N, C-alpha and C. Protein backbone atom coordinates (compact mmCIF):
# COMPACT_ATOMS: atom_id res chain seq x y z
N PHE A 1 71.15 92.27 138.18
CA PHE A 1 70.46 91.00 138.33
C PHE A 1 70.77 90.10 137.16
N CYS A 2 70.81 88.80 137.42
CA CYS A 2 70.92 87.87 136.30
C CYS A 2 69.51 87.70 135.72
N THR A 3 69.43 87.24 134.49
CA THR A 3 68.15 87.13 133.81
C THR A 3 67.14 86.26 134.57
N PRO A 4 67.54 85.05 135.05
CA PRO A 4 66.53 84.24 135.76
C PRO A 4 65.96 84.93 137.00
N CYS A 5 66.80 85.64 137.75
CA CYS A 5 66.30 86.33 138.95
C CYS A 5 65.36 87.47 138.56
N LEU A 6 65.73 88.20 137.53
CA LEU A 6 64.88 89.28 137.06
C LEU A 6 63.54 88.74 136.56
N GLN A 7 63.58 87.62 135.85
CA GLN A 7 62.34 87.01 135.36
C GLN A 7 61.44 86.59 136.51
N GLU A 8 62.04 86.11 137.62
CA GLU A 8 61.24 85.74 138.79
C GLU A 8 60.52 86.95 139.35
N CYS A 9 61.18 88.11 139.35
CA CYS A 9 60.57 89.34 139.86
C CYS A 9 59.42 89.79 138.96
N LEU A 10 59.51 89.47 137.68
CA LEU A 10 58.50 89.92 136.72
C LEU A 10 57.38 88.91 136.53
N LYS A 11 57.50 87.70 137.13
CA LYS A 11 56.52 86.63 136.95
C LYS A 11 55.14 86.92 137.55
N PRO A 12 55.08 87.43 138.78
CA PRO A 12 53.76 87.61 139.39
C PRO A 12 52.86 88.54 138.57
N LYS A 13 51.55 88.48 138.86
CA LYS A 13 50.62 89.35 138.15
C LYS A 13 50.98 90.81 138.37
N LYS A 14 51.47 91.11 139.57
CA LYS A 14 51.98 92.46 139.87
C LYS A 14 53.48 92.34 140.07
N PRO A 15 54.28 92.56 139.02
CA PRO A 15 55.74 92.42 139.14
C PRO A 15 56.29 93.36 140.21
N VAL A 16 57.38 92.88 140.88
CA VAL A 16 57.97 93.65 141.96
C VAL A 16 59.46 93.86 141.73
N CYS A 17 59.99 94.92 142.35
CA CYS A 17 61.42 95.22 142.30
C CYS A 17 62.17 94.17 143.10
N GLY A 18 63.30 93.69 142.59
CA GLY A 18 64.09 92.68 143.26
C GLY A 18 64.80 93.20 144.49
N VAL A 19 64.87 94.51 144.67
CA VAL A 19 65.54 95.08 145.82
C VAL A 19 64.54 95.50 146.89
N CYS A 20 63.60 96.37 146.53
CA CYS A 20 62.69 96.93 147.54
C CYS A 20 61.30 96.32 147.52
N ARG A 21 61.02 95.47 146.56
CA ARG A 21 59.73 94.79 146.41
C ARG A 21 58.56 95.72 146.09
N SER A 22 58.86 96.94 145.62
CA SER A 22 57.76 97.82 145.20
C SER A 22 57.26 97.35 143.83
N THR A 23 56.02 97.68 143.53
CA THR A 23 55.40 97.25 142.29
C THR A 23 56.09 97.87 141.08
N LEU A 24 56.29 97.04 140.05
CA LEU A 24 56.92 97.51 138.82
C LEU A 24 55.89 97.59 137.71
N SER A 25 56.13 98.50 136.79
CA SER A 25 55.31 98.58 135.60
C SER A 25 56.17 98.10 134.43
N PRO A 26 55.90 96.90 133.89
CA PRO A 26 56.72 96.38 132.80
C PRO A 26 56.79 97.37 131.65
N GLY A 27 57.97 97.53 131.12
CA GLY A 27 58.17 98.42 129.98
C GLY A 27 58.51 99.83 130.35
N SER A 28 58.30 100.22 131.61
CA SER A 28 58.63 101.59 132.00
C SER A 28 59.97 101.59 132.73
N ARG A 29 60.79 102.58 132.45
CA ARG A 29 62.11 102.67 133.04
C ARG A 29 62.05 103.43 134.36
N ALA A 30 62.96 103.09 135.25
CA ALA A 30 63.06 103.76 136.54
C ALA A 30 63.88 105.03 136.34
N LEU A 31 63.25 106.04 135.76
CA LEU A 31 63.96 107.27 135.42
C LEU A 31 64.52 107.99 136.64
N ASP A 32 63.80 107.93 137.76
CA ASP A 32 64.30 108.59 138.96
C ASP A 32 65.58 107.91 139.46
N LEU A 33 65.62 106.59 139.36
CA LEU A 33 66.82 105.85 139.76
C LEU A 33 67.97 106.12 138.79
N GLU A 34 67.68 106.12 137.50
CA GLU A 34 68.71 106.42 136.51
C GLU A 34 69.31 107.80 136.75
N LYS A 35 68.42 108.78 137.03
CA LYS A 35 68.90 110.14 137.28
C LYS A 35 69.78 110.18 138.53
N GLN A 36 69.36 109.45 139.56
CA GLN A 36 70.13 109.43 140.80
C GLN A 36 71.52 108.82 140.56
N ILE A 37 71.60 107.77 139.78
CA ILE A 37 72.88 107.12 139.48
C ILE A 37 73.76 108.05 138.64
N GLU A 38 73.15 108.79 137.74
CA GLU A 38 73.90 109.72 136.88
C GLU A 38 74.38 110.96 137.63
N THR A 39 73.70 111.33 138.72
CA THR A 39 74.04 112.59 139.39
C THR A 39 74.70 112.42 140.77
N THR A 40 74.78 111.19 141.27
CA THR A 40 75.40 110.96 142.58
C THR A 40 76.89 110.76 142.40
N GLU A 41 77.66 111.57 143.12
CA GLU A 41 79.11 111.48 143.02
C GLU A 41 79.65 110.55 144.10
N THR A 42 80.72 109.85 143.76
CA THR A 42 81.39 108.95 144.69
C THR A 42 82.88 109.06 144.47
N THR A 43 83.65 108.41 145.32
CA THR A 43 85.10 108.44 145.22
C THR A 43 85.62 107.02 145.10
N CYS A 44 86.55 106.80 144.20
CA CYS A 44 87.19 105.49 144.04
C CYS A 44 88.00 105.19 145.29
N ASN A 45 87.84 104.00 145.84
CA ASN A 45 88.59 103.60 147.04
C ASN A 45 90.05 103.33 146.74
N GLY A 46 90.41 103.25 145.48
CA GLY A 46 91.80 103.02 145.12
C GLY A 46 92.57 104.30 144.88
N CYS A 47 92.11 105.08 143.90
CA CYS A 47 92.86 106.28 143.49
C CYS A 47 92.26 107.58 144.02
N ASN A 48 91.13 107.50 144.72
CA ASN A 48 90.43 108.66 145.29
C ASN A 48 89.90 109.64 144.25
N LYS A 49 89.79 109.21 143.00
CA LYS A 49 89.23 110.05 141.95
C LYS A 49 87.72 110.14 142.15
N LYS A 50 87.17 111.36 142.01
CA LYS A 50 85.72 111.55 142.13
C LYS A 50 85.07 111.30 140.76
N MET A 51 83.89 110.68 140.81
CA MET A 51 83.14 110.40 139.57
C MET A 51 81.70 110.10 139.93
N PHE A 52 80.87 110.04 138.91
CA PHE A 52 79.47 109.69 139.12
C PHE A 52 79.35 108.17 139.24
N LEU A 53 78.35 107.71 140.00
CA LEU A 53 78.13 106.27 140.18
C LEU A 53 78.03 105.55 138.84
N SER A 54 77.44 106.19 137.86
CA SER A 54 77.26 105.56 136.55
C SER A 54 78.58 105.21 135.88
N LYS A 55 79.66 105.84 136.28
CA LYS A 55 80.98 105.59 135.68
C LYS A 55 81.84 104.67 136.53
N MET A 56 81.40 104.35 137.75
CA MET A 56 82.24 103.64 138.70
C MET A 56 82.61 102.23 138.24
N ARG A 57 81.67 101.49 137.68
CA ARG A 57 81.95 100.11 137.28
C ARG A 57 83.06 100.05 136.24
N SER A 58 82.97 100.87 135.22
CA SER A 58 84.01 100.84 134.18
C SER A 58 85.34 101.35 134.73
N HIS A 59 85.30 102.34 135.62
CA HIS A 59 86.52 102.85 136.22
C HIS A 59 87.19 101.76 137.07
N ALA A 60 86.41 101.08 137.90
CA ALA A 60 86.95 100.04 138.78
C ALA A 60 87.62 98.93 137.99
N ALA A 61 87.09 98.63 136.81
CA ALA A 61 87.67 97.57 135.99
C ALA A 61 89.04 97.94 135.46
N SER A 62 89.33 99.24 135.34
CA SER A 62 90.61 99.65 134.76
C SER A 62 91.56 100.33 135.75
N CYS A 63 91.13 100.55 136.98
CA CYS A 63 91.94 101.26 137.98
C CYS A 63 92.80 100.25 138.74
N SER A 64 94.10 100.28 138.52
CA SER A 64 95.00 99.32 139.19
C SER A 64 95.02 99.55 140.70
N LYS A 65 94.87 100.79 141.13
CA LYS A 65 94.86 101.05 142.57
C LYS A 65 93.60 100.46 143.23
N TYR A 66 92.49 100.48 142.51
CA TYR A 66 91.27 99.86 143.03
C TYR A 66 91.45 98.35 143.11
N GLN A 67 92.07 97.78 142.08
CA GLN A 67 92.33 96.33 142.09
C GLN A 67 93.21 95.96 143.29
N ASN A 68 94.22 96.79 143.58
CA ASN A 68 95.09 96.55 144.74
C ASN A 68 94.29 96.64 146.04
N TYR A 69 93.38 97.61 146.11
CA TYR A 69 92.51 97.78 147.28
C TYR A 69 91.68 96.50 147.51
N ILE A 70 91.14 95.96 146.46
CA ILE A 70 90.35 94.73 146.57
C ILE A 70 91.23 93.57 147.02
N MET A 71 92.43 93.47 146.44
CA MET A 71 93.33 92.37 146.79
C MET A 71 93.79 92.45 148.25
N GLU A 72 93.95 93.66 148.78
CA GLU A 72 94.31 93.81 150.19
C GLU A 72 93.23 93.18 151.07
N GLY A 73 91.98 93.41 150.71
CA GLY A 73 90.88 92.82 151.46
C GLY A 73 90.86 91.31 151.35
N VAL A 74 91.16 90.80 150.17
CA VAL A 74 91.20 89.35 149.97
C VAL A 74 92.32 88.75 150.81
N LYS A 75 93.50 89.37 150.77
CA LYS A 75 94.65 88.85 151.53
C LYS A 75 94.37 88.88 153.03
N ALA A 76 93.62 89.88 153.48
CA ALA A 76 93.34 90.02 154.91
C ALA A 76 92.50 88.87 155.45
N VAL A 77 91.74 88.23 154.60
CA VAL A 77 90.85 87.17 155.09
C VAL A 77 91.27 85.78 154.61
N THR A 78 92.37 85.67 153.89
CA THR A 78 92.81 84.38 153.38
C THR A 78 93.73 83.70 154.39
N LYS A 79 93.40 82.47 154.71
CA LYS A 79 94.23 81.70 155.63
C LYS A 79 95.49 81.23 154.92
N GLU A 80 96.53 81.04 155.68
CA GLU A 80 97.73 80.42 155.13
C GLU A 80 97.38 78.98 154.78
N PRO A 81 97.83 78.49 153.63
CA PRO A 81 97.52 77.10 153.29
C PRO A 81 98.19 76.16 154.29
N LEU A 82 97.47 75.12 154.65
CA LEU A 82 98.02 74.14 155.57
C LEU A 82 99.04 73.29 154.84
N HIS A 83 100.16 73.04 155.49
CA HIS A 83 101.21 72.28 154.85
C HIS A 83 101.06 70.78 155.09
N SER A 84 100.10 70.40 155.91
CA SER A 84 99.88 68.99 156.13
C SER A 84 99.20 68.39 154.91
N THR A 85 99.27 67.11 154.79
CA THR A 85 98.61 66.47 153.65
C THR A 85 97.15 66.28 154.02
N ARG A 86 96.31 67.03 153.40
CA ARG A 86 94.88 66.86 153.64
C ARG A 86 94.24 66.53 152.30
N SER A 87 93.11 65.91 152.35
CA SER A 87 92.47 65.53 151.09
C SER A 87 91.63 66.70 150.60
N PHE A 88 91.86 67.10 149.39
CA PHE A 88 91.09 68.16 148.77
C PHE A 88 89.98 67.54 147.95
N PRO A 89 88.76 68.00 148.12
CA PRO A 89 87.68 67.43 147.29
C PRO A 89 87.88 67.82 145.83
N ASN A 90 87.45 66.95 144.96
CA ASN A 90 87.54 67.22 143.53
C ASN A 90 86.41 68.17 143.17
N ARG A 91 86.76 69.39 142.80
CA ARG A 91 85.75 70.39 142.42
C ARG A 91 85.80 70.65 140.92
N PHE A 92 86.37 69.73 140.17
CA PHE A 92 86.53 69.96 138.73
C PHE A 92 85.71 69.00 137.88
N THR A 93 85.52 67.78 138.34
CA THR A 93 84.69 66.83 137.59
C THR A 93 83.69 66.19 138.53
N PHE A 94 82.52 65.87 137.98
CA PHE A 94 81.42 65.38 138.80
C PHE A 94 80.71 64.22 138.11
N PRO A 95 80.14 63.32 138.91
CA PRO A 95 79.31 62.25 138.32
C PRO A 95 77.88 62.74 138.18
N CYS A 96 77.17 62.17 137.24
CA CYS A 96 75.74 62.47 137.11
C CYS A 96 75.02 61.77 138.27
N PRO A 97 74.20 62.48 139.04
CA PRO A 97 73.53 61.84 140.18
C PRO A 97 72.38 60.91 139.74
N TYR A 98 71.99 60.96 138.47
CA TYR A 98 70.93 60.10 137.98
C TYR A 98 71.48 58.78 137.43
N CYS A 99 72.47 58.87 136.54
CA CYS A 99 72.94 57.66 135.86
C CYS A 99 74.37 57.28 136.22
N SER A 100 75.01 58.06 137.08
CA SER A 100 76.37 57.81 137.57
C SER A 100 77.45 57.89 136.50
N GLU A 101 77.13 58.42 135.31
CA GLU A 101 78.19 58.65 134.32
C GLU A 101 79.14 59.67 134.93
N LYS A 102 80.44 59.47 134.73
CA LYS A 102 81.44 60.26 135.45
C LYS A 102 82.15 61.29 134.57
N ASN A 103 82.96 62.12 135.26
CA ASN A 103 83.90 63.06 134.65
C ASN A 103 83.27 64.19 133.85
N PHE A 104 82.18 64.74 134.36
CA PHE A 104 81.60 65.94 133.76
C PHE A 104 82.17 67.15 134.46
N ASP A 105 82.55 68.17 133.68
CA ASP A 105 82.82 69.44 134.34
C ASP A 105 81.46 70.04 134.66
N GLN A 106 81.44 71.17 135.33
CA GLN A 106 80.17 71.74 135.78
C GLN A 106 79.24 71.99 134.60
N GLU A 107 79.75 72.63 133.57
CA GLU A 107 78.93 72.94 132.39
C GLU A 107 78.46 71.66 131.71
N GLY A 108 79.34 70.68 131.63
CA GLY A 108 78.99 69.40 131.00
C GLY A 108 77.90 68.68 131.77
N LEU A 109 77.95 68.74 133.11
CA LEU A 109 76.92 68.11 133.92
C LEU A 109 75.57 68.76 133.67
N VAL A 110 75.55 70.08 133.61
CA VAL A 110 74.30 70.80 133.36
C VAL A 110 73.74 70.39 132.00
N GLU A 111 74.57 70.37 130.97
CA GLU A 111 74.11 70.00 129.62
C GLU A 111 73.64 68.55 129.58
N HIS A 112 74.40 67.65 130.19
CA HIS A 112 74.04 66.22 130.23
C HIS A 112 72.67 66.04 130.88
N CYS A 113 72.48 66.66 132.04
CA CYS A 113 71.21 66.50 132.75
C CYS A 113 70.05 67.12 131.98
N LYS A 114 70.29 68.27 131.34
CA LYS A 114 69.22 68.89 130.54
C LYS A 114 68.84 67.98 129.38
N ALA A 115 69.83 67.35 128.75
CA ALA A 115 69.57 66.51 127.57
C ALA A 115 68.93 65.17 127.94
N LEU A 116 69.40 64.54 129.02
CA LEU A 116 68.97 63.17 129.31
C LEU A 116 68.05 63.00 130.52
N HIS A 117 68.02 63.96 131.42
CA HIS A 117 67.29 63.75 132.67
C HIS A 117 66.32 64.88 133.01
N SER A 118 65.94 65.67 132.04
CA SER A 118 65.10 66.84 132.32
C SER A 118 63.73 66.47 132.91
N MET A 119 63.27 65.26 132.65
CA MET A 119 61.96 64.86 133.16
C MET A 119 62.07 63.94 134.38
N ASP A 120 63.27 63.67 134.85
CA ASP A 120 63.46 62.78 135.99
C ASP A 120 63.16 63.54 137.28
N ALA A 121 62.19 63.10 138.04
CA ALA A 121 61.76 63.81 139.25
C ALA A 121 62.42 63.24 140.52
N LYS A 122 63.29 62.26 140.35
CA LYS A 122 63.95 61.66 141.52
C LYS A 122 64.77 62.71 142.27
N GLN A 123 64.64 62.74 143.60
CA GLN A 123 65.42 63.67 144.41
C GLN A 123 66.84 63.15 144.54
N VAL A 124 67.81 64.00 144.17
CA VAL A 124 69.21 63.58 144.18
C VAL A 124 70.07 64.62 144.88
N VAL A 125 71.27 64.21 145.27
CA VAL A 125 72.25 65.10 145.88
C VAL A 125 73.02 65.78 144.75
N CYS A 126 73.18 67.08 144.84
CA CYS A 126 73.94 67.82 143.84
C CYS A 126 75.43 67.55 144.09
N PRO A 127 76.13 66.92 143.14
CA PRO A 127 77.54 66.61 143.36
C PRO A 127 78.42 67.87 143.41
N ILE A 128 77.99 68.94 142.76
CA ILE A 128 78.76 70.19 142.78
C ILE A 128 78.69 70.80 144.17
N CYS A 129 77.49 70.94 144.71
CA CYS A 129 77.31 71.50 146.05
C CYS A 129 77.97 70.62 147.11
N ALA A 130 77.85 69.30 146.96
CA ALA A 130 78.42 68.38 147.94
C ALA A 130 79.93 68.52 148.03
N SER A 131 80.58 69.00 146.97
CA SER A 131 82.04 69.15 146.97
C SER A 131 82.50 70.45 147.62
N MET A 132 81.57 71.35 147.93
CA MET A 132 81.92 72.64 148.51
C MET A 132 82.08 72.52 150.02
N PRO A 133 82.90 73.38 150.62
CA PRO A 133 83.10 73.32 152.07
C PRO A 133 81.79 73.46 152.85
N TRP A 134 80.84 74.20 152.31
CA TRP A 134 79.57 74.42 152.99
C TRP A 134 78.50 73.42 152.54
N GLY A 135 78.87 72.54 151.62
CA GLY A 135 77.89 71.61 151.04
C GLY A 135 77.51 70.48 151.98
N ASP A 136 76.27 70.05 151.90
CA ASP A 136 75.78 68.93 152.68
C ASP A 136 75.67 67.73 151.74
N PRO A 137 76.54 66.72 151.91
CA PRO A 137 76.53 65.58 151.00
C PRO A 137 75.29 64.70 151.13
N ASN A 138 74.42 65.02 152.07
CA ASN A 138 73.19 64.22 152.25
C ASN A 138 71.94 64.96 151.81
N TYR A 139 72.07 66.26 151.44
CA TYR A 139 70.89 67.04 151.07
C TYR A 139 70.42 66.66 149.66
N ARG A 140 69.18 66.25 149.57
CA ARG A 140 68.60 65.88 148.27
C ARG A 140 67.72 67.02 147.77
N SER A 141 68.05 67.51 146.60
CA SER A 141 67.32 68.63 146.01
C SER A 141 65.96 68.16 145.53
N ALA A 142 64.92 68.91 145.88
CA ALA A 142 63.57 68.57 145.46
C ALA A 142 63.39 68.74 143.96
N ASN A 143 64.09 69.70 143.36
CA ASN A 143 64.02 69.92 141.92
C ASN A 143 65.44 70.17 141.42
N PHE A 144 66.15 69.08 141.17
CA PHE A 144 67.56 69.16 140.81
C PHE A 144 67.79 69.94 139.52
N MET A 145 66.93 69.79 138.54
CA MET A 145 67.12 70.48 137.26
C MET A 145 67.04 72.00 137.45
N GLU A 146 66.07 72.46 138.22
CA GLU A 146 65.96 73.89 138.48
C GLU A 146 67.15 74.37 139.30
N HIS A 147 67.55 73.56 140.27
CA HIS A 147 68.72 73.88 141.09
C HIS A 147 69.95 74.07 140.20
N LEU A 148 70.19 73.13 139.29
CA LEU A 148 71.35 73.22 138.38
C LEU A 148 71.31 74.51 137.58
N GLN A 149 70.16 74.83 137.03
CA GLN A 149 70.06 75.99 136.15
C GLN A 149 70.16 77.30 136.92
N ARG A 150 69.79 77.32 138.19
CA ARG A 150 69.87 78.55 138.98
C ARG A 150 71.22 78.71 139.67
N ARG A 151 71.72 77.65 140.25
CA ARG A 151 72.92 77.74 141.09
C ARG A 151 74.23 77.50 140.35
N HIS A 152 74.18 76.84 139.23
CA HIS A 152 75.44 76.43 138.60
C HIS A 152 75.58 76.93 137.17
N ARG A 153 75.27 78.20 136.98
CA ARG A 153 75.47 78.86 135.69
C ARG A 153 76.88 79.40 135.55
N PHE A 154 77.67 79.36 136.63
CA PHE A 154 79.04 79.86 136.63
C PHE A 154 79.86 78.95 137.52
N SER A 155 81.16 79.06 137.43
CA SER A 155 82.05 78.24 138.25
C SER A 155 82.34 78.96 139.56
N TYR A 156 82.12 78.30 140.68
CA TYR A 156 82.40 78.89 141.97
C TYR A 156 83.88 79.25 142.10
N ASP A 157 84.75 78.49 141.43
CA ASP A 157 86.19 78.74 141.54
C ASP A 157 86.56 80.16 141.13
N THR A 158 85.75 80.77 140.29
CA THR A 158 86.02 82.14 139.85
C THR A 158 85.77 83.14 140.97
N PHE A 159 84.84 82.83 141.86
CA PHE A 159 84.38 83.80 142.84
C PHE A 159 84.67 83.45 144.29
N VAL A 160 85.11 82.22 144.57
CA VAL A 160 85.25 81.76 145.94
C VAL A 160 86.70 81.46 146.27
N ASP A 161 87.14 81.92 147.42
CA ASP A 161 88.45 81.54 147.94
C ASP A 161 88.18 80.52 149.04
N TYR A 162 88.44 79.26 148.76
CA TYR A 162 88.12 78.19 149.70
C TYR A 162 88.98 78.25 150.96
N ASP A 163 90.09 79.01 150.92
CA ASP A 163 90.95 79.11 152.09
C ASP A 163 90.61 80.32 152.97
N ALA A 164 89.64 81.13 152.56
CA ALA A 164 89.27 82.31 153.35
C ALA A 164 88.45 81.88 154.56
N ASP A 165 88.73 82.47 155.69
CA ASP A 165 87.97 82.21 156.90
C ASP A 165 86.73 83.08 156.89
N GLU A 166 85.57 82.47 157.01
CA GLU A 166 84.30 83.19 156.88
C GLU A 166 84.14 84.28 157.93
N ASP A 167 84.51 83.99 159.18
CA ASP A 167 84.38 85.00 160.24
C ASP A 167 85.31 86.18 159.99
N ASP A 168 86.56 85.89 159.58
CA ASP A 168 87.50 86.96 159.26
C ASP A 168 87.00 87.79 158.09
N MET A 169 86.44 87.12 157.09
CA MET A 169 85.93 87.81 155.92
C MET A 169 84.79 88.76 156.31
N MET A 170 83.88 88.30 157.17
CA MET A 170 82.76 89.13 157.59
C MET A 170 83.25 90.33 158.39
N ALA A 171 84.23 90.12 159.27
CA ALA A 171 84.79 91.22 160.06
C ALA A 171 85.45 92.24 159.14
N GLN A 172 86.16 91.76 158.11
CA GLN A 172 86.82 92.64 157.15
C GLN A 172 85.78 93.47 156.38
N VAL A 173 84.72 92.84 155.96
CA VAL A 173 83.66 93.54 155.23
C VAL A 173 83.04 94.62 156.10
N LEU A 174 82.76 94.28 157.35
CA LEU A 174 82.16 95.26 158.27
C LEU A 174 83.10 96.44 158.50
N MET A 175 84.39 96.16 158.72
CA MET A 175 85.37 97.23 158.92
C MET A 175 85.45 98.14 157.70
N ARG A 176 85.48 97.52 156.52
CA ARG A 176 85.58 98.32 155.29
C ARG A 176 84.31 99.12 155.05
N SER A 177 83.16 98.57 155.40
CA SER A 177 81.92 99.31 155.16
C SER A 177 81.86 100.53 156.05
N LEU A 178 82.39 100.44 157.25
CA LEU A 178 82.43 101.60 158.14
C LEU A 178 83.44 102.62 157.66
N ARG A 179 84.60 102.14 157.21
CA ARG A 179 85.66 103.03 156.74
C ARG A 179 85.29 103.69 155.42
N ASP A 180 84.64 102.97 154.52
CA ASP A 180 84.33 103.48 153.19
C ASP A 180 83.06 104.31 153.14
N LYS A 181 82.39 104.48 154.24
CA LYS A 181 81.15 105.25 154.36
C LYS A 181 80.02 104.46 153.80
């Protein structure tokens, strides 16, 4: 979990687990879950090496065969780029929706708005979301500052393939989940 999401789970008078919504006791560790992660064996989908779940994340980061396995899935759902001239939205610089100052990168827009517009309650369209294929250029965020801090802490370009077909991607995920157990 990222810190803001975890903090949301811990906010209520009776904090809850972000996964199963069971009641949490602040300060106490989930020893049964830790033990299960330490003792459950799994197999790398790349090199077929057996290991405990607790070691899988570090192994996956260094296993070239696992990286190839992931890339095969990405290639399976990526569309061929269209060779026609189409207009690509600018996903690198954005105007401030409050004062229309231009050419902010995502991080710069967040900092600018925090510094100059943190108390502005005007409902505005998020220029970052509006530039995304799934974005609605007419949707006005009720709390733009909170939206910025929750949704735009990272660059979508790092995690999103804009040329991937969503239906193909979902079919690929379902096929892999059945194959990988």
